[in-house]
Amino acid sequence: MPPDALSVVVPAYNEARRLETSLPLLAEIAAEAGAELIVVDDGSDDGTAEVAATCLAGLPGAKIVRLALNSGKGAAVRAGVAHARGGSIVFMDADLATDLGDLPALLEALETSDVAIGSRVMPGATVDGATSTRARMGRTFNRMARVVTGLDLRDTQCGFKAFRAPVAQLLFHLGVVDGFAFDVEILALARRMGYRVTEVPVHWHAVEGSRVDVMRDPARMLRDVLLTELRWRRTRILAALPDIDLTAVSASTLLDPDGDEIRQALTA
């Protein structure tokens, strides 16, 4: 692919019905932009992969990645990033809750940042249809995540994020959280590694059928955030990073399994 091409990753678990509506829209945008569209079927049992194959038939560069078992949104996005070949990588939710009209602004932010994330609370953002329970849960989780990790970001959980490709490849290579809290881990890693993260206001509307269980998932997410912070405080994997300009090092060099001095330092 051209070095300036875009890869769009869409994680999907039992999203056959939604994809019938959302994928034709994404496919049209991908075709116009010459972008690579990757759907990751996270162990679905409702024909998600088959629907995706039908919707993406004939689209150059389209890929369908199938995980054998349902592994979590973080695992699905990680798999998509591993298959992406564009110079910029975006992931977005299958329900297209975030207005696709916000995509140009997200990509424009990458001209001066390494990571750009959609924000539903920045000035200029709009939110429509969110229940009070979901809104309260989101605000509470974000506050707790900020306290635990020290992140200064207002909205870590919006499913609309863009990365320079080498940055995404390294962050997701290092990340281990499979569940909904994977965003916090990736963003916390980005901050620790000195990457520039920019929040971009988006227009978001609630879509019925959310995969988040408001009774069960918040506790799991908080647990993952706490474990993540403990893991990265104790590990030596980031010890060499202050002396390395990561924006000037290719991902292939850092992730080369044969290793060089940088790779050896990262995994010491």
C-alpha atoms as a PDB file:
ATOM      1  CA  MET A   1       0.000   0.000   0.000  1.00  0.00           C
ATOM      2  CA  PRO A   2       1.112   3.626  -0.473  1.00  0.00           C
ATOM      3  CA  PRO A   3       2.842   4.968   2.661  1.00  0.00           C
ATOM      4  CA  ASP A   4       0.115   7.586   3.123  1.00  0.00           C
ATOM      5  CA  ALA A   5      -2.772   5.109   2.787  1.00  0.00           C
ATOM      6  CA  LEU A   6      -5.324   4.616   5.552  1.00  0.00           C
ATOM      7  CA  SER A   7      -6.299   1.365   7.256  1.00  0.00           C
ATOM      8  CA  VAL A   8      -9.665   1.191   9.023  1.00  0.00           C
ATOM      9  CA  VAL A   9     -10.131  -1.570  11.600  1.00  0.00           C
ATOM     10  CA  VAL A  10     -13.651  -2.558  12.664  1.00  0.00           C
ATOM     11  CA  PRO A  11     -13.891  -5.056  15.560  1.00  0.00           C
ATOM     12  CA  ALA A  12     -17.134  -7.028  15.432  1.00  0.00           C
ATOM     13  CA  TYR A  13     -18.729  -9.573  17.749  1.00  0.00           C
ATOM     14  CA  ASN A  14     -22.149 -10.858  16.648  1.00  0.00           C
ATOM     15  CA  GLU A  15     -22.647  -7.746  14.548  1.00  0.00           C
ATOM     16  CA  ALA A  16     -24.170  -9.332  11.429  1.00  0.00           C
ATOM     17  CA  ARG A  17     -27.295  -7.164  11.557  1.00  0.00           C
ATOM     18  CA  ARG A  18     -25.402  -3.912  12.117  1.00  0.00           C
ATOM     19  CA  LEU A  19     -22.794  -4.637   9.481  1.00  0.00           C
ATOM     20  CA  GLU A  20     -25.466  -4.982   6.827  1.00  0.00           C
ATOM     21  CA  THR A  21     -26.075  -1.250   7.324  1.00  0.00           C
ATOM     22  CA  SER A  22     -22.693   0.105   8.372  1.00  0.00           C
ATOM     23  CA  LEU A  23     -20.299  -1.744   6.072  1.00  0.00           C
ATOM     24  CA  PRO A  24     -21.738  -0.452   2.778  1.00  0.00           C
ATOM     25  CA  LEU A  25     -21.206   3.088   4.096  1.00  0.00           C
ATOM     26  CA  LEU A  26     -17.655   2.312   5.183  1.00  0.00           C
ATOM     27  CA  ALA A  27     -16.913   0.473   1.953  1.00  0.00           C
ATOM     28  CA  GLU A  28     -17.988   3.504  -0.071  1.00  0.00           C
ATOM     29  CA  ILE A  29     -15.737   5.816   1.933  1.00  0.00           C
ATOM     30  CA  ALA A  30     -12.852   3.324   1.758  1.00  0.00           C
ATOM     31  CA  ALA A  31     -13.195   3.022  -2.013  1.00  0.00           C
ATOM     32  CA  GLU A  32     -13.180   6.795  -2.492  1.00  0.00           C
ATOM     33  CA  ALA A  33     -10.154   7.240  -0.215  1.00  0.00           C
ATOM     34  CA  GLY A  34      -8.233   4.182  -1.407  1.00  0.00           C
ATOM     35  CA  ALA A  35      -8.289   2.941   2.177  1.00  0.00           C
ATOM     36  CA  GLU A  36      -7.846  -0.580   3.482  1.00  0.00           C
ATOM     37  CA  LEU A  37     -10.916  -1.822   5.383  1.00  0.00           C
ATOM     38  CA  ILE A  38     -10.373  -4.634   7.900  1.00  0.00           C
ATOM     39  CA  VAL A  39     -13.223  -6.333   9.746  1.00  0.00           C
ATOM     40  CA  VAL A  40     -12.181  -8.513  12.676  1.00  0.00           C
ATOM     41  CA  ASP A  41     -14.760 -11.154  13.569  1.00  0.00           C
ATOM     42  CA  ASP A  42     -14.238 -11.760  17.280  1.00  0.00           C
ATOM     43  CA  GLY A  43     -15.470 -15.355  17.428  1.00  0.00           C
ATOM     44  CA  SER A  44     -19.049 -14.531  16.386  1.00  0.00           C
ATOM     45  CA  ASP A  45     -21.727 -17.194  15.986  1.00  0.00           C
ATOM     46  CA  ASP A  46     -24.269 -15.156  14.018  1.00  0.00           C
ATOM     47  CA  GLY A  47     -22.662 -15.094  10.576  1.00  0.00           C
ATOM     48  CA  THR A  48     -20.758 -11.832  11.088  1.00  0.00           C
ATOM     49  CA  ALA A  49     -17.864 -12.918   8.845  1.00  0.00           C
ATOM     50  CA  GLU A  50     -20.214 -14.054   6.084  1.00  0.00           C
ATOM     51  CA  VAL A  51     -22.113 -10.759   6.102  1.00  0.00           C
ATOM     52  CA  ALA A  52     -18.820  -8.874   6.040  1.00  0.00           C
ATOM     53  CA  ALA A  53     -17.622 -10.939   3.076  1.00  0.00           C
ATOM     54  CA  THR A  54     -20.788 -10.118   1.153  1.00  0.00           C
ATOM     55  CA  CYS A  55     -20.636  -6.404   1.931  1.00  0.00           C
ATOM     56  CA  LEU A  56     -16.952  -6.099   1.085  1.00  0.00           C
ATOM     57  CA  ALA A  57     -16.971  -8.211  -2.072  1.00  0.00           C
ATOM     58  CA  GLY A  58     -15.119  -6.362  -4.794  1.00  0.00           C
ATOM     59  CA  LEU A  59     -13.586  -3.751  -2.486  1.00  0.00           C
ATOM     60  CA  PRO A  60      -9.823  -3.623  -3.171  1.00  0.00           C
ATOM     61  CA  GLY A  61      -7.725  -4.299  -0.092  1.00  0.00           C
ATOM     62  CA  ALA A  62     -10.618  -5.399   2.101  1.00  0.00           C
ATOM     63  CA  LYS A  63      -9.751  -8.022   4.705  1.00  0.00           C
ATOM     64  CA  ILE A  64     -11.730 -10.191   7.076  1.00  0.00           C
ATOM     65  CA  VAL A  65      -9.811 -11.513  10.064  1.00  0.00           C
ATOM     66  CA  ARG A  66     -11.500 -14.269  12.057  1.00  0.00           C
ATOM     67  CA  LEU A  67     -10.640 -15.075  15.672  1.00  0.00           C
ATOM     68  CA  ALA A  68     -11.448 -18.657  16.602  1.00  0.00           C
ATOM     69  CA  LEU A  69     -12.869 -17.682  19.994  1.00  0.00           C
ATOM     70  CA  ASN A  70     -14.549 -14.584  21.381  1.00  0.00           C
ATOM     71  CA  SER A  71     -11.538 -12.865  22.938  1.00  0.00           C
ATOM     72  CA  GLY A  72     -12.655  -9.290  23.607  1.00  0.00           C
ATOM     73  CA  LYS A  73     -12.626  -5.951  21.831  1.00  0.00           C
ATOM     74  CA  GLY A  74      -8.995  -5.273  22.716  1.00  0.00           C
ATOM     75  CA  ALA A  75      -7.901  -8.582  21.210  1.00  0.00           C
ATOM     76  CA  ALA A  76      -9.927  -7.893  18.062  1.00  0.00           C
ATOM     77  CA  VAL A  77      -8.443  -4.426  17.539  1.00  0.00           C
ATOM     78  CA  ARG A  78      -4.957  -5.801  18.209  1.00  0.00           C
ATOM     79  CA  ALA A  79      -5.468  -8.442  15.516  1.00  0.00           C
ATOM     80  CA  GLY A  80      -6.692  -5.818  13.073  1.00  0.00           C
ATOM     81  CA  VAL A  81      -3.704  -3.556  13.710  1.00  0.00           C
ATOM     82  CA  ALA A  82      -1.375  -6.515  13.133  1.00  0.00           C
ATOM     83  CA  HIS A  83      -2.905  -6.996   9.667  1.00  0.00           C
ATOM     84  CA  ALA A  84      -3.013  -3.292   8.734  1.00  0.00           C
ATOM     85  CA  ARG A  85      -0.651  -1.994   6.063  1.00  0.00           C
ATOM     86  CA  GLY A  86      -1.606   1.684   5.830  1.00  0.00           C
ATOM     87  CA  GLY A  87       0.473   4.616   6.999  1.00  0.00           C
ATOM     88  CA  SER A  88      -2.325   5.619   9.394  1.00  0.00           C
ATOM     89  CA  ILE A  89      -4.587   3.238  11.298  1.00  0.00           C
ATOM     90  CA  VAL A  90      -8.056   4.047  12.603  1.00  0.00           C
ATOM     91  CA  PHE A  91     -10.335   1.803  14.577  1.00  0.00           C
ATOM     92  CA  MET A  92     -14.038   2.438  14.996  1.00  0.00           C
ATOM     93  CA  ASP A  93     -17.058   0.603  16.356  1.00  0.00           C
ATOM     94  CA  ALA A  94     -19.268  -1.434  14.053  1.00  0.00           C
ATOM     95  CA  ASP A  95     -22.367   0.544  15.084  1.00  0.00           C
ATOM     96  CA  LEU A  96     -20.861   3.786  13.697  1.00  0.00           C
ATOM     97  CA  ALA A  97     -22.014   5.635  16.803  1.00  0.00           C
ATOM     98  CA  THR A  98     -19.469   8.338  15.983  1.00  0.00           C
ATOM     99  CA  ASP A  99     -20.308  10.414  12.921  1.00  0.00           C
ATOM    100  CA  LEU A 100     -18.084   9.435   9.992  1.00  0.00           C
ATOM    101  CA  GLY A 101     -17.961  13.123   9.123  1.00  0.00           C
ATOM    102  CA  ASP A 102     -15.527  13.483  12.037  1.00  0.00           C
ATOM    103  CA  LEU A 103     -12.949  11.208  10.382  1.00  0.00           C
ATOM    104  CA  PRO A 104     -11.122  13.968   8.432  1.00  0.00           C
ATOM    105  CA  ALA A 105     -10.569  15.982  11.627  1.00  0.00           C
ATOM    106  CA  LEU A 106      -9.263  12.874  13.401  1.00  0.00           C
ATOM    107  CA  LEU A 107      -6.771  12.189  10.610  1.00  0.00           C
ATOM    108  CA  GLU A 108      -5.786  15.852  10.380  1.00  0.00           C
ATOM    109  CA  ALA A 109      -4.783  15.713  14.056  1.00  0.00           C
ATOM    110  CA  LEU A 110      -2.177  13.075  13.154  1.00  0.00           C
ATOM    111  CA  GLU A 111      -0.252  15.728  11.242  1.00  0.00           C
ATOM    112  CA  THR A 112       0.983  17.078  14.572  1.00  0.00           C
ATOM    113  CA  SER A 113       0.281  14.131  16.912  1.00  0.00           C
ATOM    114  CA  ASP A 114       1.064  10.441  17.096  1.00  0.00           C
ATOM    115  CA  VAL A 115      -2.359   9.445  18.408  1.00  0.00           C
ATOM    116  CA  ALA A 116      -5.725  11.161  17.898  1.00  0.00           C
ATOM    117  CA  ILE A 117      -8.778  10.095  19.899  1.00  0.00           C
ATOM    118  CA  GLY A 118     -12.410  11.010  19.542  1.00  0.00           C
ATOM    119  CA  SER A 119     -13.829  12.819  22.556  1.00  0.00           C
ATOM    120  CA  ARG A 120     -17.476  13.180  23.505  1.00  0.00           C
ATOM    121  CA  VAL A 121     -16.787  15.778  26.195  1.00  0.00           C
ATOM    122  CA  MET A 122     -14.470  18.260  24.480  1.00  0.00           C
ATOM    123  CA  PRO A 123     -15.905  21.656  23.564  1.00  0.00           C
ATOM    124  CA  GLY A 124     -17.630  21.242  20.225  1.00  0.00           C
ATOM    125  CA  ALA A 125     -18.612  17.613  20.784  1.00  0.00           C
ATOM    126  CA  THR A 126     -22.246  16.507  20.776  1.00  0.00           C
ATOM    127  CA  VAL A 127     -23.867  13.447  22.364  1.00  0.00           C
ATOM    128  CA  ASP A 128     -27.348  12.260  21.495  1.00  0.00           C
ATOM    129  CA  GLY A 129     -29.484   9.523  23.002  1.00  0.00           C
ATOM    130  CA  ALA A 130     -27.206   8.301  25.789  1.00  0.00           C
ATOM    131  CA  THR A 131     -29.064   6.967  28.833  1.00  0.00           C
ATOM    132  CA  SER A 132     -28.294   8.529  32.188  1.00  0.00           C
ATOM    133  CA  THR A 133     -26.962   5.176  33.433  1.00  0.00           C
ATOM    134  CA  ARG A 134     -24.502   4.779  30.549  1.00  0.00           C
ATOM    135  CA  ALA A 135     -23.413   8.409  30.784  1.00  0.00           C
ATOM    136  CA  ARG A 136     -22.835   8.166  34.542  1.00  0.00           C
ATOM    137  CA  MET A 137     -20.942   4.887  34.138  1.00  0.00           C
ATOM    138  CA  GLY A 138     -18.697   6.426  31.496  1.00  0.00           C
ATOM    139  CA  ARG A 139     -17.886   9.497  33.550  1.00  0.00           C
ATOM    140  CA  THR A 140     -17.194   7.436  36.675  1.00  0.00           C
ATOM    141  CA  PHE A 141     -14.919   4.991  34.874  1.00  0.00           C
ATOM    142  CA  ASN A 142     -12.997   7.772  33.153  1.00  0.00           C
ATOM    143  CA  ARG A 143     -12.397   9.547  36.475  1.00  0.00           C
ATOM    144  CA  MET A 144     -11.146   6.328  38.068  1.00  0.00           C
ATOM    145  CA  ALA A 145      -8.907   5.558  35.084  1.00  0.00           C
ATOM    146  CA  ARG A 146      -7.408   9.037  35.261  1.00  0.00           C
ATOM    147  CA  VAL A 147      -6.711   8.694  38.981  1.00  0.00           C
ATOM    148  CA  VAL A 148      -5.076   5.278  38.600  1.00  0.00           C
ATOM    149  CA  THR A 149      -2.989   6.005  35.499  1.00  0.00           C
ATOM    150  CA  GLY A 150      -2.423   9.748  35.728  1.00  0.00           C
ATOM    151  CA  LEU A 151      -3.862  10.259  32.246  1.00  0.00           C
ATOM    152  CA  ASP A 152      -5.091  13.776  31.586  1.00  0.00           C
ATOM    153  CA  LEU A 153      -7.493  12.731  28.800  1.00  0.00           C
ATOM    154  CA  ARG A 154     -11.189  13.506  29.142  1.00  0.00           C
ATOM    155  CA  ASP A 155     -12.623  10.546  27.216  1.00  0.00           C
ATOM    156  CA  THR A 156     -10.609   7.345  26.992  1.00  0.00           C
ATOM    157  CA  GLN A 157     -13.445   5.079  25.847  1.00  0.00           C
ATOM    158  CA  CYS A 158     -14.800   6.596  22.641  1.00  0.00           C
ATOM    159  CA  GLY A 159     -14.457   3.895  19.977  1.00  0.00           C
ATOM    160  CA  PHE A 160     -12.951   6.228  17.391  1.00  0.00           C
ATOM    161  CA  LYS A 161      -9.159   6.470  17.508  1.00  0.00           C
ATOM    162  CA  ALA A 162      -6.387   7.055  14.980  1.00  0.00           C
ATOM    163  CA  PHE A 163      -2.661   6.323  15.093  1.00  0.00           C
ATOM    164  CA  ARG A 164       0.380   6.758  12.975  1.00  0.00           C
ATOM    165  CA  ALA A 165       0.995   3.192  11.867  1.00  0.00           C
ATOM    166  CA  PRO A 166       4.390   2.608  13.558  1.00  0.00           C
ATOM    167  CA  VAL A 167       2.922   3.950  16.797  1.00  0.00           C
ATOM    168  CA  ALA A 168      -0.113   1.670  16.629  1.00  0.00           C
ATOM    169  CA  GLN A 169       2.013  -1.349  15.791  1.00  0.00           C
ATOM    170  CA  LEU A 170       4.297  -0.835  18.774  1.00  0.00           C
ATOM    171  CA  LEU A 171       1.572   0.054  21.275  1.00  0.00           C
ATOM    172  CA  PHE A 172      -0.645  -2.879  20.367  1.00  0.00           C
ATOM    173  CA  HIS A 173       2.346  -5.216  20.246  1.00  0.00           C
ATOM    174  CA  LEU A 174       3.075  -4.311  23.863  1.00  0.00           C
ATOM    175  CA  GLY A 175      -0.556  -4.204  25.031  1.00  0.00           C
ATOM    176  CA  VAL A 176      -2.097  -7.253  26.685  1.00  0.00           C
ATOM    177  CA  VAL A 177      -5.590  -6.182  27.787  1.00  0.00           C
ATOM    178  CA  ASP A 178      -8.254  -7.986  25.756  1.00  0.00           C
ATOM    179  CA  GLY A 179     -11.394  -6.413  27.231  1.00  0.00           C
ATOM    180  CA  PHE A 180     -13.026  -2.988  27.065  1.00  0.00           C
ATOM    181  CA  ALA A 181     -10.279  -1.347  29.154  1.00  0.00           C
ATOM    182  CA  PHE A 182      -7.702  -1.872  26.406  1.00  0.00           C
ATOM    183  CA  ASP A 183      -8.074   1.794  25.403  1.00  0.00           C
ATOM    184  CA  VAL A 184      -6.761   2.925  28.779  1.00  0.00           C
ATOM    185  CA  GLU A 185      -3.765   0.615  28.556  1.00  0.00           C
ATOM    186  CA  ILE A 186      -2.871   1.806  25.050  1.00  0.00           C
ATOM    187  CA  LEU A 187      -3.234   5.472  25.961  1.00  0.00           C
ATOM    188  CA  ALA A 188      -1.288   5.074  29.200  1.00  0.00           C
ATOM    189  CA  LEU A 189       1.501   3.348  27.277  1.00  0.00           C
ATOM    190  CA  ALA A 190       1.481   6.132  24.704  1.00  0.00           C
ATOM    191  CA  ARG A 191       1.919   8.744  27.445  1.00  0.00           C
ATOM    192  CA  ARG A 192       4.691   6.775  29.155  1.00  0.00           C
ATOM    193  CA  MET A 193       6.527   6.443  25.845  1.00  0.00           C
ATOM    194  CA  GLY A 194       6.338  10.143  25.062  1.00  0.00           C
ATOM    195  CA  TYR A 195       3.888   9.982  22.182  1.00  0.00           C
ATOM    196  CA  ARG A 196       1.742  13.039  21.488  1.00  0.00           C
ATOM    197  CA  VAL A 197      -1.963  12.362  22.061  1.00  0.00           C
ATOM    198  CA  THR A 198      -4.656  14.776  20.887  1.00  0.00           C
ATOM    199  CA  GLU A 199      -8.378  14.704  21.698  1.00  0.00           C
ATOM    200  CA  VAL A 200     -10.744  15.641  18.872  1.00  0.00           C
ATOM    201  CA  PRO A 201     -14.393  16.580  19.538  1.00  0.00           C
ATOM    202  CA  VAL A 202     -16.843  14.261  17.794  1.00  0.00           C
ATOM    203  CA  HIS A 203     -20.551  13.943  17.174  1.00  0.00           C
ATOM    204  CA  TRP A 204     -21.802  10.768  18.847  1.00  0.00           C
ATOM    205  CA  HIS A 205     -25.238   9.178  18.998  1.00  0.00           C
ATOM    206  CA  ALA A 206     -26.250   6.200  21.086  1.00  0.00           C
ATOM    207  CA  VAL A 207     -27.107   3.006  19.203  1.00  0.00           C
ATOM    208  CA  GLU A 208     -29.233   0.273  20.728  1.00  0.00           C
ATOM    209  CA  GLY A 209     -27.664  -3.093  21.499  1.00  0.00           C
ATOM    210  CA  SER A 210     -24.459  -2.049  23.269  1.00  0.00           C
ATOM    211  CA  ARG A 211     -22.114  -4.919  24.144  1.00  0.00           C
ATOM    212  CA  VAL A 212     -21.213  -3.284  27.471  1.00  0.00           C
ATOM    213  CA  ASP A 213     -22.934  -4.888  30.462  1.00  0.00           C
ATOM    214  CA  VAL A 214     -23.495  -1.973  32.857  1.00  0.00           C
ATOM    215  CA  MET A 215     -23.712  -4.344  35.837  1.00  0.00           C
ATOM    216  CA  ARG A 216     -20.700  -6.529  35.123  1.00  0.00           C
ATOM    217  CA  ASP A 217     -18.214  -4.839  32.803  1.00  0.00           C
ATOM    218  CA  PRO A 218     -17.312  -1.702  34.849  1.00  0.00           C
ATOM    219  CA  ALA A 219     -15.808  -3.840  37.627  1.00  0.00           C
ATOM    220  CA  ARG A 220     -13.844  -5.891  35.090  1.00  0.00           C
ATOM    221  CA  MET A 221     -12.623  -2.758  33.367  1.00  0.00           C
ATOM    222  CA  LEU A 222     -11.448  -1.203  36.622  1.00  0.00           C
ATOM    223  CA  ARG A 223      -9.670  -4.433  37.531  1.00  0.00           C
ATOM    224  CA  ASP A 224      -7.880  -4.417  34.174  1.00  0.00           C
ATOM    225  CA  VAL A 225      -6.839  -0.788  34.632  1.00  0.00           C
ATOM    226  CA  LEU A 226      -5.416  -1.500  38.086  1.00  0.00           C
ATOM    227  CA  LEU A 227      -3.554  -4.594  36.875  1.00  0.00           C
ATOM    228  CA  THR A 228      -2.248  -2.712  33.865  1.00  0.00           C
ATOM    229  CA  GLU A 229      -0.833   0.083  35.986  1.00  0.00           C
ATOM    230  CA  LEU A 230       0.839  -2.405  38.317  1.00  0.00           C
ATOM    231  CA  ARG A 231       2.270  -4.332  35.362  1.00  0.00           C
ATOM    232  CA  TRP A 232       3.882  -1.318  33.709  1.00  0.00           C
ATOM    233  CA  ARG A 233       5.209   0.068  36.972  1.00  0.00           C
ATOM    234  CA  ARG A 234       7.005  -3.194  37.723  1.00  0.00           C
ATOM    235  CA  THR A 235       8.220  -4.215  34.284  1.00  0.00           C
ATOM    236  CA  ARG A 236      11.589  -3.279  32.836  1.00  0.00           C
ATOM    237  CA  ILE A 237      10.247  -3.181  29.281  1.00  0.00           C
ATOM    238  CA  LEU A 238      10.024   0.620  29.183  1.00  0.00           C
ATOM    239  CA  ALA A 239      13.315   1.282  30.966  1.00  0.00           C
ATOM    240  CA  ALA A 240      15.236   1.949  27.739  1.00  0.00           C
ATOM    241  CA  LEU A 241      12.647   4.213  26.143  1.00  0.00           C
ATOM    242  CA  PRO A 242      13.675   7.626  27.556  1.00  0.00           C
ATOM    243  CA  ASP A 243      16.867   7.475  25.459  1.00  0.00           C
ATOM    244  CA  ILE A 244      15.103   6.383  22.259  1.00  0.00           C
ATOM    245  CA  ASP A 245      13.288   8.736  19.881  1.00  0.00           C
ATOM    246  CA  LEU A 246      10.431   6.381  19.082  1.00  0.00           C
ATOM    247  CA  THR A 247       9.023   8.639  16.391  1.00  0.00           C
ATOM    248  CA  ALA A 248      12.273   8.213  14.461  1.00  0.00           C
ATOM    249  CA  VAL A 249      12.485   4.423  14.781  1.00  0.00           C
ATOM    250  CA  SER A 250      10.548   2.182  12.423  1.00  0.00           C
ATOM    251  CA  ALA A 251       8.125  -0.320  13.893  1.00  0.00           C
ATOM    252  CA  SER A 252       9.782  -3.095  11.887  1.00  0.00           C
ATOM    253  CA  THR A 253      13.041  -2.378  13.690  1.00  0.00           C
ATOM    254  CA  LEU A 254      11.423  -2.391  17.115  1.00  0.00           C
ATOM    255  CA  LEU A 255       9.354  -5.490  16.453  1.00  0.00           C
ATOM    256  CA  ASP A 256      11.943  -7.503  14.526  1.00  0.00           C
ATOM    257  CA  PRO A 257      11.885 -10.961  16.163  1.00  0.00           C
ATOM    258  CA  ASP A 258      15.565 -11.449  15.334  1.00  0.00           C
ATOM    259  CA  GLY A 259      16.240  -8.440  17.515  1.00  0.00           C
ATOM    260  CA  ASP A 260      18.793  -5.671  17.632  1.00  0.00           C
ATOM    261  CA  GLU A 261      20.005  -3.529  20.511  1.00  0.00           C
ATOM    262  CA  ILE A 262      16.726  -1.600  20.696  1.00  0.00           C
ATOM    263  CA  ARG A 263      14.594  -4.735  20.664  1.00  0.00           C
ATOM    264  CA  GLN A 264      16.849  -6.354  23.275  1.00  0.00           C
ATOM    265  CA  ALA A 265      16.565  -3.298  25.504  1.00  0.00           C
ATOM    266  CA  LEU A 266      12.792  -3.269  25.213  1.00  0.00           C
ATOM    267  CA  THR A 267      12.467  -6.901  26.233  1.00  0.00           C
ATOM    268  CA  ALA A 268      15.211  -7.054  28.854  1.00  0.00           C
END
